């Protein structure tokens, strides 16, 4: 049985936007059975030798699929999609595009968005103005390019919804300032369309019912 290590308790700021949701969303889309192993972040469940063997950086999510152990949400989603034969094309060219856009979501789009989120969480009004302005400009540049890419496209990597869309949409969900995304109408519409999917709603509702704010 596939074991998914996700939060059972996490700090209030992060609750509802943790990366285990990416895996839970994908599993809902795939209708793949799994066992959830709840981890208590404030109680330091992630800081044990046993968990480090699953996730070297002490992060959620991780999976153990009958001895195949993975951490890193993008790696997990690509593995599960290939195993299930869902949310990723069967042909090499299509798979390559999904991998490409999964990397783009994690390595390009998410970086400035996460930086802004952390500025708001850690530094608040104490963050250096120049650094904040630079990061906003960085985010806008990527959002502008993404908006152009989405012209005439329904989904990010292929004509069908894939794991790349889960990763991209969840990265875009790190935008908490509406004024940042509003000028990019295609990006905003794309994000809304992804989060309107029934599988996301089921995964999120189950998560909120289970995960406690610590």
N, C-alpha and C. Protein backbone atom coordinates (compact mmCIF):
# COMPACT_ATOMS: atom_id res chain seq x y z
N UNK A 1 0.85 -1.21 0.00
CA UNK A 1 0.00 0.00 0.00
C UNK A 1 0.88 1.25 0.00
N UNK A 2 0.55 2.17 -0.83
CA UNK A 2 1.24 3.46 -0.89
C UNK A 2 1.03 4.22 0.41
N UNK A 3 2.12 4.64 1.04
CA UNK A 3 2.05 5.48 2.24
C UNK A 3 2.44 6.91 1.87
N UNK A 4 1.60 7.85 2.26
CA UNK A 4 1.86 9.27 2.02
C UNK A 4 2.06 9.95 3.37
N UNK A 5 3.21 10.58 3.53
CA UNK A 5 3.51 11.30 4.77
C UNK A 5 3.10 12.76 4.58
N UNK A 6 2.08 13.16 5.32
CA UNK A 6 1.56 14.52 5.24
C UNK A 6 1.31 15.07 6.63
N UNK A 7 0.98 16.31 6.70
CA UNK A 7 0.80 16.95 8.01
C UNK A 7 -0.48 16.50 8.69
N UNK A 8 -0.39 16.32 10.01
CA UNK A 8 -1.58 16.23 10.85
C UNK A 8 -1.71 17.50 11.69
N UNK A 9 -0.57 18.17 11.91
CA UNK A 9 -0.56 19.44 12.63
C UNK A 9 0.58 20.29 12.09
N UNK A 10 0.28 21.56 11.80
CA UNK A 10 1.28 22.46 11.23
C UNK A 10 0.94 23.87 11.69
N UNK A 11 1.92 24.77 11.61
CA UNK A 11 1.65 26.13 12.09
C UNK A 11 0.53 26.79 11.29
N UNK A 12 -0.17 27.70 11.95
CA UNK A 12 -1.37 28.29 11.37
C UNK A 12 -1.09 29.02 10.07
N UNK A 13 0.09 29.64 9.94
CA UNK A 13 0.43 30.37 8.73
C UNK A 13 0.48 29.45 7.51
N UNK A 14 1.02 28.25 7.69
CA UNK A 14 1.21 27.33 6.57
C UNK A 14 -0.01 26.46 6.29
N UNK A 15 -0.87 26.28 7.28
CA UNK A 15 -2.02 25.37 7.11
C UNK A 15 -2.86 25.80 5.90
N UNK A 16 -3.12 24.85 5.02
CA UNK A 16 -3.91 25.13 3.82
C UNK A 16 -3.07 25.42 2.59
N UNK A 17 -1.74 25.55 2.78
CA UNK A 17 -0.87 25.82 1.63
C UNK A 17 0.39 24.96 1.67
N UNK A 18 0.32 23.82 2.33
CA UNK A 18 1.49 22.95 2.44
C UNK A 18 1.59 22.03 1.22
N UNK A 19 2.79 21.53 0.98
CA UNK A 19 3.04 20.85 -0.28
C UNK A 19 2.51 19.43 -0.34
N UNK A 20 2.11 18.88 0.79
CA UNK A 20 1.45 17.57 0.74
C UNK A 20 0.13 17.67 0.00
N UNK A 21 -0.46 18.87 -0.06
CA UNK A 21 -1.70 19.04 -0.80
C UNK A 21 -1.53 18.72 -2.29
N UNK A 22 -0.33 18.94 -2.82
CA UNK A 22 -0.09 18.62 -4.23
C UNK A 22 -0.25 17.13 -4.47
N UNK A 23 0.30 16.34 -3.56
CA UNK A 23 0.21 14.88 -3.68
C UNK A 23 -1.23 14.42 -3.46
N UNK A 24 -1.88 14.96 -2.44
CA UNK A 24 -3.25 14.57 -2.14
C UNK A 24 -4.19 14.93 -3.30
N UNK A 25 -3.96 16.07 -3.91
CA UNK A 25 -4.75 16.47 -5.09
C UNK A 25 -4.54 15.48 -6.23
N UNK A 26 -3.29 15.17 -6.53
CA UNK A 26 -3.00 14.23 -7.61
C UNK A 26 -3.64 12.87 -7.36
N UNK A 27 -3.57 12.40 -6.13
CA UNK A 27 -4.15 11.09 -5.81
C UNK A 27 -5.67 11.10 -5.96
N UNK A 28 -6.30 12.23 -5.64
CA UNK A 28 -7.74 12.36 -5.87
C UNK A 28 -8.06 12.32 -7.36
N UNK A 29 -7.24 13.02 -8.15
CA UNK A 29 -7.45 13.01 -9.61
C UNK A 29 -7.30 11.59 -10.17
N UNK A 30 -6.32 10.87 -9.64
CA UNK A 30 -6.02 9.52 -10.15
C UNK A 30 -6.91 8.44 -9.54
N UNK A 31 -7.58 8.80 -8.43
CA UNK A 31 -8.37 7.81 -7.68
C UNK A 31 -7.50 6.62 -7.28
N UNK A 32 -6.34 6.93 -6.75
CA UNK A 32 -5.38 5.91 -6.33
C UNK A 32 -5.47 5.73 -4.81
N UNK A 33 -5.61 4.50 -4.32
CA UNK A 33 -5.70 4.27 -2.87
C UNK A 33 -4.35 4.52 -2.19
N UNK A 34 -4.40 4.99 -0.95
CA UNK A 34 -3.18 5.25 -0.20
C UNK A 34 -3.49 5.27 1.29
N UNK A 35 -2.43 5.14 2.07
CA UNK A 35 -2.53 5.27 3.53
C UNK A 35 -1.83 6.57 3.92
N UNK A 36 -2.52 7.42 4.64
CA UNK A 36 -1.94 8.68 5.07
C UNK A 36 -1.27 8.52 6.43
N UNK A 37 -0.02 8.93 6.52
CA UNK A 37 0.72 8.93 7.78
C UNK A 37 0.81 10.38 8.24
N UNK A 38 0.07 10.73 9.28
CA UNK A 38 0.02 12.10 9.75
C UNK A 38 1.25 12.47 10.57
N UNK A 39 1.82 13.62 10.27
CA UNK A 39 3.04 14.09 10.94
C UNK A 39 2.74 15.40 11.69
N UNK A 40 3.17 15.44 12.94
CA UNK A 40 2.96 16.61 13.81
C UNK A 40 4.20 17.49 13.76
N UNK A 41 4.11 18.59 13.01
CA UNK A 41 5.28 19.45 12.84
C UNK A 41 5.73 20.11 14.14
N UNK A 42 4.83 20.71 14.93
CA UNK A 42 5.28 21.32 16.19
C UNK A 42 5.89 20.33 17.17
N UNK A 43 5.49 19.06 17.08
CA UNK A 43 6.05 18.03 17.96
C UNK A 43 7.35 17.44 17.42
N UNK A 44 7.85 18.00 16.30
CA UNK A 44 9.14 17.61 15.70
C UNK A 44 9.15 16.19 15.13
N UNK A 45 8.00 15.75 14.62
CA UNK A 45 7.96 14.44 13.97
C UNK A 45 8.87 14.37 12.75
N UNK A 46 9.13 15.52 12.12
CA UNK A 46 9.95 15.53 10.91
C UNK A 46 11.45 15.50 11.22
N UNK A 47 11.81 15.70 12.48
CA UNK A 47 13.22 15.87 12.86
C UNK A 47 13.81 14.61 13.48
N UNK A 48 13.37 13.46 13.02
CA UNK A 48 13.86 12.19 13.55
C UNK A 48 14.72 11.48 12.51
N UNK A 49 15.58 10.60 12.96
CA UNK A 49 16.40 9.82 12.03
C UNK A 49 15.53 8.97 11.11
N UNK A 50 14.44 8.44 11.65
CA UNK A 50 13.56 7.60 10.84
C UNK A 50 12.96 8.40 9.69
N UNK A 51 12.52 9.63 9.96
CA UNK A 51 11.90 10.41 8.88
C UNK A 51 12.96 10.95 7.92
N UNK A 52 14.15 11.25 8.42
CA UNK A 52 15.22 11.73 7.53
C UNK A 52 15.58 10.68 6.48
N UNK A 53 15.37 9.41 6.80
CA UNK A 53 15.65 8.37 5.80
C UNK A 53 14.64 8.43 4.65
N UNK A 54 13.48 9.02 4.91
CA UNK A 54 12.48 9.21 3.86
C UNK A 54 12.64 10.55 3.16
N UNK A 55 12.94 11.58 3.95
CA UNK A 55 13.03 12.95 3.45
C UNK A 55 14.27 13.61 4.04
N UNK A 56 15.38 13.61 3.31
CA UNK A 56 16.66 14.08 3.87
C UNK A 56 16.63 15.51 4.40
N UNK A 57 15.75 16.35 3.86
CA UNK A 57 15.69 17.75 4.29
C UNK A 57 14.58 17.99 5.31
N UNK A 58 14.02 16.90 5.86
CA UNK A 58 13.01 16.98 6.92
C UNK A 58 11.78 17.77 6.47
N UNK A 59 11.32 17.46 5.24
CA UNK A 59 10.19 18.19 4.68
C UNK A 59 9.05 17.24 4.31
N UNK A 60 7.88 17.78 4.26
CA UNK A 60 6.67 17.11 3.78
C UNK A 60 6.40 17.63 2.37
N UNK A 61 6.01 16.75 1.44
CA UNK A 61 5.60 15.35 1.60
C UNK A 61 6.72 14.37 1.34
N UNK A 62 6.44 13.11 1.70
CA UNK A 62 7.26 11.99 1.30
C UNK A 62 6.32 10.81 1.06
N UNK A 63 6.77 9.85 0.28
CA UNK A 63 5.99 8.63 0.07
C UNK A 63 6.87 7.42 0.23
N UNK A 64 6.24 6.31 0.58
CA UNK A 64 6.88 4.99 0.57
C UNK A 64 5.91 4.06 -0.15
N UNK A 65 6.25 3.73 -1.38
CA UNK A 65 5.40 2.88 -2.21
C UNK A 65 6.00 1.48 -2.26
N UNK A 66 5.70 0.71 -1.23
CA UNK A 66 6.24 -0.66 -1.12
C UNK A 66 7.76 -0.68 -1.31
N UNK A 67 8.43 0.24 -0.61
CA UNK A 67 9.89 0.27 -0.63
C UNK A 67 10.49 1.31 -1.56
N UNK A 68 9.70 1.88 -2.46
CA UNK A 68 10.17 2.99 -3.30
C UNK A 68 9.90 4.28 -2.54
N UNK A 69 10.97 4.91 -2.07
CA UNK A 69 10.85 6.08 -1.21
C UNK A 69 11.20 7.33 -1.99
N UNK A 70 10.33 8.33 -1.89
CA UNK A 70 10.56 9.61 -2.58
C UNK A 70 10.15 10.76 -1.68
N UNK A 71 10.90 11.83 -1.78
CA UNK A 71 10.47 13.13 -1.26
C UNK A 71 10.49 14.09 -2.44
N UNK A 72 10.19 15.36 -2.19
CA UNK A 72 10.08 16.40 -3.21
C UNK A 72 8.78 16.22 -4.01
N UNK A 73 7.89 17.19 -3.88
CA UNK A 73 6.54 17.05 -4.42
C UNK A 73 6.51 16.82 -5.93
N UNK A 74 7.35 17.50 -6.68
CA UNK A 74 7.33 17.32 -8.14
C UNK A 74 7.78 15.92 -8.53
N UNK A 75 8.82 15.43 -7.87
CA UNK A 75 9.29 14.07 -8.15
C UNK A 75 8.21 13.05 -7.83
N UNK A 76 7.51 13.26 -6.72
CA UNK A 76 6.45 12.34 -6.32
C UNK A 76 5.32 12.35 -7.35
N UNK A 77 4.91 13.53 -7.79
CA UNK A 77 3.80 13.60 -8.74
C UNK A 77 4.15 12.95 -10.08
N UNK A 78 5.35 13.17 -10.56
CA UNK A 78 5.74 12.54 -11.83
C UNK A 78 5.80 11.03 -11.68
N UNK A 79 6.34 10.57 -10.56
CA UNK A 79 6.39 9.11 -10.31
C UNK A 79 4.98 8.51 -10.28
N UNK A 80 4.08 9.13 -9.52
CA UNK A 80 2.73 8.60 -9.39
C UNK A 80 1.98 8.63 -10.72
N UNK A 81 2.17 9.70 -11.49
CA UNK A 81 1.50 9.81 -12.78
C UNK A 81 1.96 8.70 -13.73
N UNK A 82 3.25 8.46 -13.75
CA UNK A 82 3.78 7.40 -14.63
C UNK A 82 3.31 6.02 -14.16
N UNK A 83 3.25 5.84 -12.85
CA UNK A 83 2.79 4.55 -12.33
C UNK A 83 1.32 4.32 -12.68
N UNK A 84 0.50 5.35 -12.51
CA UNK A 84 -0.94 5.22 -12.75
C UNK A 84 -1.30 5.30 -14.22
N UNK A 85 -0.41 5.89 -15.03
CA UNK A 85 -0.75 6.14 -16.43
C UNK A 85 -1.80 7.21 -16.57
N UNK A 86 -1.81 8.16 -15.61
CA UNK A 86 -2.77 9.25 -15.61
C UNK A 86 -2.05 10.56 -15.33
N UNK A 87 -2.62 11.65 -15.84
CA UNK A 87 -2.08 13.00 -15.64
C UNK A 87 -0.70 13.19 -16.24
N UNK A 88 -0.33 12.31 -17.18
CA UNK A 88 0.91 12.47 -17.94
C UNK A 88 0.74 11.70 -19.24
N UNK A 89 1.14 12.26 -20.38
CA UNK A 89 0.95 11.56 -21.65
C UNK A 89 1.82 10.29 -21.73
N UNK A 90 1.39 9.31 -22.50
CA UNK A 90 2.16 8.07 -22.63
C UNK A 90 3.35 8.19 -23.57
N UNK A 91 3.34 9.21 -24.44
CA UNK A 91 4.41 9.36 -25.42
C UNK A 91 5.56 10.20 -24.85
N UNK A 92 6.75 9.98 -25.37
CA UNK A 92 7.95 10.64 -24.85
C UNK A 92 7.88 12.15 -25.01
N UNK A 93 7.35 12.63 -26.13
CA UNK A 93 7.28 14.07 -26.36
C UNK A 93 6.34 14.74 -25.36
N UNK A 94 5.18 14.13 -25.13
CA UNK A 94 4.23 14.69 -24.18
C UNK A 94 4.76 14.65 -22.76
N UNK A 95 5.38 13.54 -22.41
CA UNK A 95 5.98 13.41 -21.07
C UNK A 95 7.05 14.48 -20.87
N UNK A 96 7.85 14.73 -21.89
CA UNK A 96 8.91 15.72 -21.79
C UNK A 96 8.34 17.11 -21.48
N UNK A 97 7.20 17.45 -22.09
CA UNK A 97 6.58 18.75 -21.83
C UNK A 97 6.06 18.85 -20.40
N UNK A 98 5.51 17.75 -19.89
CA UNK A 98 5.04 17.75 -18.50
C UNK A 98 6.21 17.91 -17.54
N UNK A 99 7.30 17.22 -17.80
CA UNK A 99 8.49 17.35 -16.95
C UNK A 99 9.03 18.78 -17.04
N UNK A 100 9.09 19.30 -18.24
CA UNK A 100 9.57 20.68 -18.45
C UNK A 100 8.79 21.68 -17.60
N UNK A 101 7.46 21.59 -17.66
CA UNK A 101 6.64 22.57 -16.97
C UNK A 101 6.53 22.30 -15.48
N UNK A 102 6.77 21.07 -15.09
CA UNK A 102 6.88 20.78 -13.65
C UNK A 102 8.12 21.45 -13.07
N UNK A 103 9.22 21.38 -13.79
CA UNK A 103 10.44 22.07 -13.38
C UNK A 103 10.24 23.58 -13.40
N UNK A 104 9.56 24.08 -14.42
CA UNK A 104 9.32 25.52 -14.51
C UNK A 104 8.50 26.02 -13.33
N UNK A 105 7.50 25.25 -12.95
CA UNK A 105 6.67 25.64 -11.81
C UNK A 105 7.49 25.74 -10.54
N UNK A 106 8.35 24.74 -10.32
CA UNK A 106 9.12 24.68 -9.07
C UNK A 106 10.35 25.59 -9.07
N UNK A 107 11.05 25.65 -10.20
CA UNK A 107 12.36 26.33 -10.23
C UNK A 107 12.31 27.76 -10.74
N UNK A 108 11.25 28.11 -11.48
CA UNK A 108 11.17 29.45 -12.06
C UNK A 108 10.03 30.27 -11.45
N UNK A 109 8.81 29.78 -11.59
CA UNK A 109 7.66 30.57 -11.16
C UNK A 109 7.55 30.66 -9.64
N UNK A 110 7.79 29.55 -8.97
CA UNK A 110 7.56 29.55 -7.51
C UNK A 110 8.58 30.38 -6.74
N UNK A 111 9.80 30.50 -7.23
CA UNK A 111 10.86 31.13 -6.43
C UNK A 111 10.53 32.56 -6.00
N UNK A 112 10.18 33.47 -6.91
CA UNK A 112 9.85 34.82 -6.44
C UNK A 112 8.56 34.88 -5.64
N UNK A 113 7.59 34.02 -5.99
CA UNK A 113 6.33 34.03 -5.25
C UNK A 113 6.52 33.57 -3.82
N UNK A 114 7.33 32.53 -3.64
CA UNK A 114 7.62 32.05 -2.29
C UNK A 114 8.44 33.08 -1.52
N UNK A 115 9.35 33.75 -2.22
CA UNK A 115 10.15 34.79 -1.56
C UNK A 115 9.27 35.90 -1.02
N UNK A 116 8.28 36.32 -1.81
CA UNK A 116 7.36 37.36 -1.34
C UNK A 116 6.52 36.88 -0.16
N UNK A 117 6.12 35.61 -0.21
CA UNK A 117 5.36 35.04 0.90
C UNK A 117 6.18 35.05 2.18
N UNK A 118 7.45 34.70 2.06
CA UNK A 118 8.32 34.65 3.23
C UNK A 118 8.64 36.06 3.75
N UNK A 119 8.78 37.01 2.83
CA UNK A 119 8.97 38.40 3.27
C UNK A 119 7.80 38.83 4.14
N UNK A 120 6.60 38.51 3.68
CA UNK A 120 5.41 38.88 4.43
C UNK A 120 5.31 38.17 5.77
N UNK A 121 5.81 36.94 5.82
CA UNK A 121 5.71 36.14 7.06
C UNK A 121 6.80 36.50 8.06
N UNK A 122 8.02 36.63 7.57
CA UNK A 122 9.16 36.79 8.47
C UNK A 122 9.46 38.26 8.76
N UNK A 123 9.57 39.04 7.70
CA UNK A 123 10.06 40.40 7.86
C UNK A 123 8.95 41.43 8.00
N UNK A 124 7.78 41.15 7.39
CA UNK A 124 6.67 42.09 7.38
C UNK A 124 7.17 43.47 6.90
N UNK A 125 6.93 44.51 7.65
CA UNK A 125 7.31 45.85 7.22
C UNK A 125 8.79 46.14 7.38
N UNK A 126 9.53 45.18 7.97
CA UNK A 126 10.96 45.40 8.19
C UNK A 126 11.80 44.99 6.98
N UNK A 127 11.19 44.35 5.99
CA UNK A 127 11.96 43.92 4.82
C UNK A 127 12.52 45.12 4.08
N UNK A 128 13.77 45.05 3.64
CA UNK A 128 14.34 46.17 2.87
C UNK A 128 13.49 46.49 1.64
N UNK A 129 13.21 47.75 1.44
CA UNK A 129 12.33 48.16 0.35
C UNK A 129 12.89 47.73 -1.01
N UNK A 130 14.20 47.90 -1.22
CA UNK A 130 14.79 47.54 -2.51
C UNK A 130 14.66 46.05 -2.79
N UNK A 131 14.85 45.24 -1.75
CA UNK A 131 14.73 43.79 -1.93
C UNK A 131 13.29 43.41 -2.27
N UNK A 132 12.35 44.00 -1.57
CA UNK A 132 10.94 43.72 -1.85
C UNK A 132 10.57 44.15 -3.28
N UNK A 133 11.02 45.34 -3.66
CA UNK A 133 10.71 45.84 -5.01
C UNK A 133 11.33 44.96 -6.08
N UNK A 134 12.56 44.51 -5.84
CA UNK A 134 13.22 43.62 -6.79
C UNK A 134 12.43 42.32 -6.93
N UNK A 135 11.98 41.76 -5.80
CA UNK A 135 11.27 40.49 -5.83
C UNK A 135 9.92 40.62 -6.51
N UNK A 136 9.24 41.73 -6.30
CA UNK A 136 7.98 41.97 -6.99
C UNK A 136 8.22 42.06 -8.51
N UNK A 137 9.27 42.76 -8.91
CA UNK A 137 9.61 42.84 -10.33
C UNK A 137 9.95 41.49 -10.93
N UNK A 138 10.65 40.70 -10.17
CA UNK A 138 11.01 39.33 -10.58
C UNK A 138 9.75 38.51 -10.79
N UNK A 139 8.82 38.57 -9.85
CA UNK A 139 7.56 37.83 -9.96
C UNK A 139 6.76 38.31 -11.17
N UNK A 140 6.68 39.61 -11.37
CA UNK A 140 5.91 40.14 -12.50
C UNK A 140 6.49 39.70 -13.84
N UNK A 141 7.81 39.64 -13.92
CA UNK A 141 8.42 39.20 -15.17
C UNK A 141 8.00 37.77 -15.51
N UNK A 142 8.02 36.89 -14.51
CA UNK A 142 7.63 35.50 -14.76
C UNK A 142 6.13 35.38 -15.03
N UNK A 143 5.32 36.15 -14.30
CA UNK A 143 3.88 36.11 -14.53
C UNK A 143 3.54 36.63 -15.92
N UNK A 144 4.24 37.64 -16.38
CA UNK A 144 4.01 38.16 -17.73
C UNK A 144 4.35 37.14 -18.79
N UNK A 145 5.46 36.46 -18.63
CA UNK A 145 5.84 35.41 -19.59
C UNK A 145 4.87 34.25 -19.55
N UNK A 146 4.42 33.89 -18.36
CA UNK A 146 3.45 32.81 -18.22
C UNK A 146 2.12 33.20 -18.87
N UNK A 147 1.73 34.45 -18.71
CA UNK A 147 0.49 34.93 -19.31
C UNK A 147 0.55 34.84 -20.83
N UNK A 148 1.70 35.19 -21.41
CA UNK A 148 1.85 35.06 -22.86
C UNK A 148 1.79 33.60 -23.30
N UNK A 149 2.40 32.72 -22.52
CA UNK A 149 2.40 31.30 -22.86
C UNK A 149 0.98 30.74 -22.87
N UNK A 150 0.15 31.21 -21.96
CA UNK A 150 -1.20 30.68 -21.83
C UNK A 150 -2.16 31.20 -22.89
N UNK A 151 -1.73 32.11 -23.73
CA UNK A 151 -2.58 32.62 -24.80
C UNK A 151 -2.95 31.48 -25.75
N UNK A 152 -4.23 31.14 -25.80
CA UNK A 152 -4.70 30.06 -26.67
C UNK A 152 -4.54 28.68 -26.07
N UNK A 153 -4.08 28.60 -24.83
CA UNK A 153 -3.89 27.30 -24.18
C UNK A 153 -4.83 27.17 -22.99
N UNK A 154 -5.36 25.96 -22.80
CA UNK A 154 -6.21 25.70 -21.64
C UNK A 154 -5.37 25.26 -20.45
N UNK A 155 -4.37 24.43 -20.75
CA UNK A 155 -3.50 23.92 -19.69
C UNK A 155 -2.04 24.21 -20.02
N UNK A 156 -1.16 23.99 -19.08
CA UNK A 156 0.20 24.53 -19.19
C UNK A 156 1.13 23.72 -20.08
N UNK A 157 1.01 22.38 -20.07
CA UNK A 157 1.99 21.55 -20.76
C UNK A 157 1.45 20.86 -22.00
N UNK A 158 0.20 20.41 -21.92
CA UNK A 158 -0.44 19.69 -23.03
C UNK A 158 -1.88 20.17 -23.14
N UNK A 159 -2.63 19.55 -24.04
CA UNK A 159 -4.04 19.91 -24.19
C UNK A 159 -4.89 19.42 -23.02
N UNK A 160 -4.36 18.46 -22.25
CA UNK A 160 -5.09 17.90 -21.13
C UNK A 160 -4.46 18.33 -19.80
N UNK A 161 -5.23 18.27 -18.74
CA UNK A 161 -4.76 18.56 -17.39
C UNK A 161 -3.74 17.50 -16.98
N UNK A 162 -2.59 17.94 -16.43
CA UNK A 162 -1.54 17.01 -16.02
C UNK A 162 -1.00 17.41 -14.65
N UNK A 163 -0.04 16.62 -14.17
CA UNK A 163 0.57 16.95 -12.88
C UNK A 163 1.31 18.29 -12.95
N UNK A 164 1.74 18.70 -14.12
CA UNK A 164 2.37 20.02 -14.25
C UNK A 164 1.39 21.13 -13.87
N UNK A 165 0.11 20.94 -14.16
CA UNK A 165 -0.90 21.93 -13.79
C UNK A 165 -1.11 21.97 -12.28
N UNK A 166 -1.05 20.82 -11.63
CA UNK A 166 -1.15 20.80 -10.17
C UNK A 166 -0.01 21.60 -9.56
N UNK A 167 1.18 21.36 -10.03
CA UNK A 167 2.35 22.06 -9.48
C UNK A 167 2.31 23.55 -9.79
N UNK A 168 1.93 23.90 -11.01
CA UNK A 168 1.90 25.31 -11.38
C UNK A 168 0.79 26.04 -10.62
N UNK A 169 -0.39 25.47 -10.57
CA UNK A 169 -1.50 26.12 -9.88
C UNK A 169 -1.19 26.30 -8.40
N UNK A 170 -0.59 25.29 -7.80
CA UNK A 170 -0.29 25.40 -6.37
C UNK A 170 0.81 26.42 -6.11
N UNK A 171 1.75 26.53 -7.02
CA UNK A 171 2.75 27.59 -6.89
C UNK A 171 2.10 28.96 -7.01
N UNK A 172 1.18 29.10 -7.94
CA UNK A 172 0.48 30.38 -8.13
C UNK A 172 -0.41 30.72 -6.93
N UNK A 173 -0.81 29.71 -6.19
CA UNK A 173 -1.64 29.95 -5.01
C UNK A 173 -0.86 30.64 -3.89
N UNK A 174 0.46 30.71 -4.05
CA UNK A 174 1.26 31.44 -3.07
C UNK A 174 1.13 32.95 -3.22
N UNK A 175 0.45 33.39 -4.27
CA UNK A 175 0.17 34.83 -4.44
C UNK A 175 -1.00 35.20 -3.53
N UNK A 176 -0.72 35.95 -2.50
CA UNK A 176 -1.77 36.37 -1.57
C UNK A 176 -2.23 37.80 -1.82
N UNK A 177 -1.44 38.55 -2.56
CA UNK A 177 -1.79 39.93 -2.91
C UNK A 177 -2.49 39.91 -4.28
N UNK A 178 -3.78 40.14 -4.29
CA UNK A 178 -4.57 40.07 -5.53
C UNK A 178 -4.06 41.04 -6.59
N UNK A 179 -3.51 42.16 -6.15
CA UNK A 179 -3.06 43.15 -7.13
C UNK A 179 -1.88 42.65 -7.95
N UNK A 180 -1.17 41.63 -7.44
CA UNK A 180 -0.03 41.09 -8.18
C UNK A 180 -0.48 40.25 -9.37
N UNK A 181 -1.57 39.52 -9.22
CA UNK A 181 -2.00 38.61 -10.29
C UNK A 181 -3.06 39.24 -11.20
N UNK A 182 -3.79 40.23 -10.72
CA UNK A 182 -4.91 40.80 -11.49
C UNK A 182 -4.54 41.29 -12.89
N UNK A 183 -3.36 41.88 -13.12
CA UNK A 183 -3.04 42.32 -14.49
C UNK A 183 -2.85 41.17 -15.47
N UNK A 184 -2.66 39.96 -14.97
CA UNK A 184 -2.35 38.81 -15.83
C UNK A 184 -3.61 37.95 -15.91
N UNK A 185 -4.51 38.36 -16.81
CA UNK A 185 -5.85 37.78 -16.84
C UNK A 185 -5.83 36.30 -17.17
N UNK A 186 -4.94 35.90 -18.08
CA UNK A 186 -4.90 34.48 -18.44
C UNK A 186 -4.36 33.64 -17.29
N UNK A 187 -3.38 34.16 -16.57
CA UNK A 187 -2.84 33.44 -15.42
C UNK A 187 -3.90 33.31 -14.33
N UNK A 188 -4.60 34.40 -14.06
CA UNK A 188 -5.65 34.37 -13.03
C UNK A 188 -6.76 33.39 -13.40
N UNK A 189 -7.17 33.40 -14.67
CA UNK A 189 -8.22 32.49 -15.12
C UNK A 189 -7.75 31.04 -15.05
N UNK A 190 -6.51 30.82 -15.45
CA UNK A 190 -5.93 29.47 -15.40
C UNK A 190 -5.91 28.95 -13.96
N UNK A 191 -5.46 29.77 -13.03
CA UNK A 191 -5.41 29.35 -11.63
C UNK A 191 -6.81 29.02 -11.12
N UNK A 192 -7.76 29.88 -11.44
CA UNK A 192 -9.14 29.66 -11.00
C UNK A 192 -9.71 28.37 -11.56
N UNK A 193 -9.41 28.10 -12.83
CA UNK A 193 -9.91 26.89 -13.49
C UNK A 193 -9.34 25.63 -12.84
N UNK A 194 -8.07 25.66 -12.51
CA UNK A 194 -7.45 24.49 -11.88
C UNK A 194 -8.06 24.22 -10.50
N UNK A 195 -8.25 25.28 -9.73
CA UNK A 195 -8.77 25.10 -8.38
C UNK A 195 -10.28 24.86 -8.35
N UNK A 196 -10.93 24.95 -9.51
CA UNK A 196 -12.35 24.62 -9.58
C UNK A 196 -12.58 23.12 -9.78
N UNK A 197 -11.51 22.37 -9.96
CA UNK A 197 -11.65 20.94 -10.22
C UNK A 197 -12.18 20.22 -8.98
N UNK A 198 -13.13 19.30 -9.15
CA UNK A 198 -13.70 18.59 -8.01
C UNK A 198 -12.66 17.84 -7.18
N UNK A 199 -11.65 17.29 -7.82
CA UNK A 199 -10.63 16.53 -7.08
C UNK A 199 -9.87 17.44 -6.11
N UNK A 200 -9.58 18.68 -6.54
CA UNK A 200 -8.93 19.63 -5.62
C UNK A 200 -9.84 19.92 -4.44
N UNK A 201 -11.10 20.16 -4.70
CA UNK A 201 -12.02 20.51 -3.63
C UNK A 201 -12.14 19.37 -2.62
N UNK A 202 -12.19 18.13 -3.10
CA UNK A 202 -12.25 16.98 -2.18
C UNK A 202 -10.98 16.88 -1.36
N UNK A 203 -9.85 17.02 -2.01
CA UNK A 203 -8.57 16.91 -1.30
C UNK A 203 -8.43 18.01 -0.26
N UNK A 204 -8.82 19.21 -0.62
CA UNK A 204 -8.68 20.35 0.30
C UNK A 204 -9.63 20.24 1.48
N UNK A 205 -10.86 19.85 1.22
CA UNK A 205 -11.83 19.69 2.31
C UNK A 205 -11.39 18.61 3.29
N UNK A 206 -10.88 17.51 2.77
CA UNK A 206 -10.40 16.44 3.64
C UNK A 206 -9.20 16.90 4.47
N UNK A 207 -8.31 17.64 3.83
CA UNK A 207 -7.14 18.19 4.52
C UNK A 207 -7.57 19.13 5.66
N UNK A 208 -8.48 20.03 5.37
CA UNK A 208 -8.91 21.00 6.38
C UNK A 208 -9.62 20.33 7.55
N UNK A 209 -10.32 19.25 7.28
CA UNK A 209 -11.01 18.52 8.34
C UNK A 209 -10.03 17.77 9.23
N UNK A 210 -8.87 17.46 8.69
CA UNK A 210 -7.92 16.60 9.40
C UNK A 210 -6.76 17.35 10.02
N UNK A 211 -6.24 18.36 9.33
CA UNK A 211 -4.99 19.02 9.75
C UNK A 211 -5.30 20.13 10.76
N UNK A 212 -4.61 20.05 11.89
CA UNK A 212 -4.81 20.99 12.99
C UNK A 212 -3.76 22.10 12.90
N UNK A 213 -4.18 23.32 13.21
CA UNK A 213 -3.24 24.46 13.27
C UNK A 213 -2.53 24.44 14.61
N UNK A 214 -1.20 24.38 14.57
CA UNK A 214 -0.42 24.32 15.80
C UNK A 214 0.29 25.62 16.11
